[in-house]
Protein backbone atom coordinates (compact mmCIF):
# COMPACT_ATOMS: atom_id res chain seq x y z
CA MET A 1 0.00 0.00 0.00
CA ILE A 2 2.76 2.46 0.96
CA LYS A 3 4.76 1.41 -2.08
CA GLN A 4 1.80 2.10 -4.37
CA LEU A 5 1.27 5.51 -2.81
CA LYS A 6 4.97 6.31 -3.20
CA ASN A 7 4.90 5.28 -6.88
CA LYS A 8 1.79 7.37 -7.47
CA VAL A 9 3.43 10.47 -5.96
CA GLN A 10 6.58 9.94 -8.00
CA ASN A 11 4.58 9.55 -11.21
CA THR A 12 2.64 12.72 -10.44
CA LEU A 13 5.86 14.65 -9.85
CA LYS A 14 7.34 13.38 -13.10
CA GLU A 15 4.27 14.51 -15.07
CA GLU A 16 4.39 18.09 -13.77
CA SER A 17 6.71 20.42 -15.60
CA ALA A 18 8.04 23.77 -14.46
CA PHE A 19 9.19 26.92 -16.22
CA THR A 20 12.75 26.86 -17.42
CA LEU A 21 15.23 29.59 -16.62
CA ILE A 22 15.02 30.87 -20.20
CA GLU A 23 11.22 31.13 -20.04
CA MET A 24 11.35 33.03 -16.75
CA THR A 25 14.01 35.39 -18.12
CA LEU A 26 11.89 36.06 -21.20
CA VAL A 27 8.83 36.86 -19.08
CA LEU A 28 10.82 39.25 -16.87
CA PHE A 29 12.25 40.94 -19.97
CA ILE A 30 8.78 41.50 -21.43
CA ILE A 31 7.50 42.90 -18.13
CA SER A 32 10.51 45.25 -17.92
CA VAL A 33 9.92 46.56 -21.43
CA LEU A 34 6.25 47.18 -20.68
CA LEU A 35 7.13 49.08 -17.50
CA LEU A 36 9.67 51.21 -19.38
CA LEU A 37 6.95 52.16 -21.85
CA ILE A 38 4.14 52.78 -19.35
CA ILE A 39 5.80 54.66 -16.46
CA PRO A 40 6.91 57.78 -18.40
CA ASN A 41 3.41 58.16 -19.85
CA ILE A 42 1.84 58.09 -16.39
CA GLY A 43 4.01 60.99 -15.26
CA SER A 44 3.09 63.13 -18.25
CA TYR A 45 -0.64 62.83 -17.50
CA GLN A 46 -0.30 64.09 -13.93
CA GLY A 47 0.09 67.73 -15.00
CA THR A 48 -2.81 67.47 -17.41
CA ALA A 49 -5.03 66.05 -14.67
CA GLN A 50 -4.09 68.91 -12.32
CA ASP A 51 -4.91 71.53 -14.97
CA THR A 52 -8.26 69.88 -15.69
CA GLY A 53 -9.08 69.80 -11.98
CA ASN A 54 -8.22 73.48 -11.59
CA SER A 55 -10.44 74.39 -14.56
CA ALA A 56 -13.31 72.41 -13.08
CA LEU A 57 -12.81 74.11 -9.71
CA GLU A 58 -12.84 77.51 -11.40
CA THR A 59 -16.15 76.65 -13.07
CA VAL A 60 -17.63 75.54 -9.74
CA VAL A 61 -16.57 78.74 -7.99
CA GLN A 62 -17.86 80.94 -10.80
CA THR A 63 -21.20 79.11 -10.67
CA GLN A 64 -21.38 79.53 -6.91
CA MET A 65 -20.57 83.24 -7.27
CA ASP A 66 -23.46 83.59 -9.72
CA LEU A 67 -25.77 81.72 -7.37
CA TYR A 68 -24.64 83.93 -4.46
CA GLU A 69 -25.39 87.03 -6.52
CA MET A 70 -28.85 85.74 -7.45
CA GLU A 71 -29.75 84.95 -3.84
CA LYS A 72 -28.13 87.95 -2.10
CA HIS A 73 -28.63 90.50 -4.90
CA ALA A 74 -24.97 91.49 -4.56
CA ALA A 75 -21.69 90.02 -5.72
CA PRO A 76 -19.50 88.39 -3.07
CA ASP A 77 -16.64 90.61 -1.93
CA THR A 78 -14.34 87.76 -0.88
CA LEU A 79 -14.07 83.99 -1.06
CA GLU A 80 -14.78 83.96 2.67
CA ASP A 81 -18.28 85.28 1.91
CA LEU A 82 -18.94 82.26 -0.32
CA HIS A 83 -17.59 79.87 2.28
CA GLY A 84 -19.31 81.51 5.24
CA ASP A 85 -22.73 81.43 3.58
CA GLY A 86 -22.36 77.76 2.60
CA PHE A 87 -21.74 78.20 -1.11
CA LEU A 88 -18.33 76.48 -0.89
CA SER A 89 -17.52 73.42 1.19
CA GLU A 90 -14.48 73.37 3.46
CA SER A 91 -12.42 71.30 1.00
CA GLN A 92 -13.42 73.49 -1.95
CA TYR A 93 -12.61 76.64 0.00
CA SER A 94 -9.17 75.39 1.04
CA GLU A 95 -8.26 74.63 -2.60
CA VAL A 96 -9.87 77.78 -4.02
CA LYS A 97 -8.02 80.18 -1.72
CA LYS A 98 -4.71 78.69 -2.93
CA LEU A 99 -5.55 79.32 -6.59
CA PHE A 100 -8.04 82.19 -6.88
CA THR A 101 -9.16 85.49 -5.42
CA ILE A 102 -11.99 87.93 -6.06
CA ASP A 103 -10.88 91.34 -7.34
CA SER A 104 -12.45 94.71 -6.51
CA ASN A 105 -14.85 94.38 -9.47
CA GLY A 106 -16.22 91.07 -8.19
CA ASN A 107 -14.44 88.92 -10.78
CA LEU A 108 -12.73 85.60 -10.05
CA VAL A 109 -8.99 86.00 -10.72
CA LYS A 110 -6.25 83.37 -10.78
CA LEU A 111 -3.38 83.97 -8.39
CA ASN A 112 0.22 84.14 -9.64
CA GLY A 113 -0.94 85.15 -13.12
CA GLU A 114 -1.58 81.54 -14.16
């Protein structure tokens, strides 16, 4: 009985094959080439995504300024007015004050001349 079990295990092990060193090297080479092609492209899209996000944020703030003006019958003097009256959330306000301000004419202006 033990001899039969031992023979069965040995036969099973003989039937299974593994990857050779050459096959593993080839797979690693292909993965390396793919990474070399993909990683630089990911970095180039980061700036584009940031610009798109800033444009979307500008649209949101401009819309909220218009809504403020419709409800209060006056343009907001500062971004704090929008935030204080609930037109901008805390996270929106913290990002907006880094990028924009409201000038003396009530227009939304980008900081740093961007």
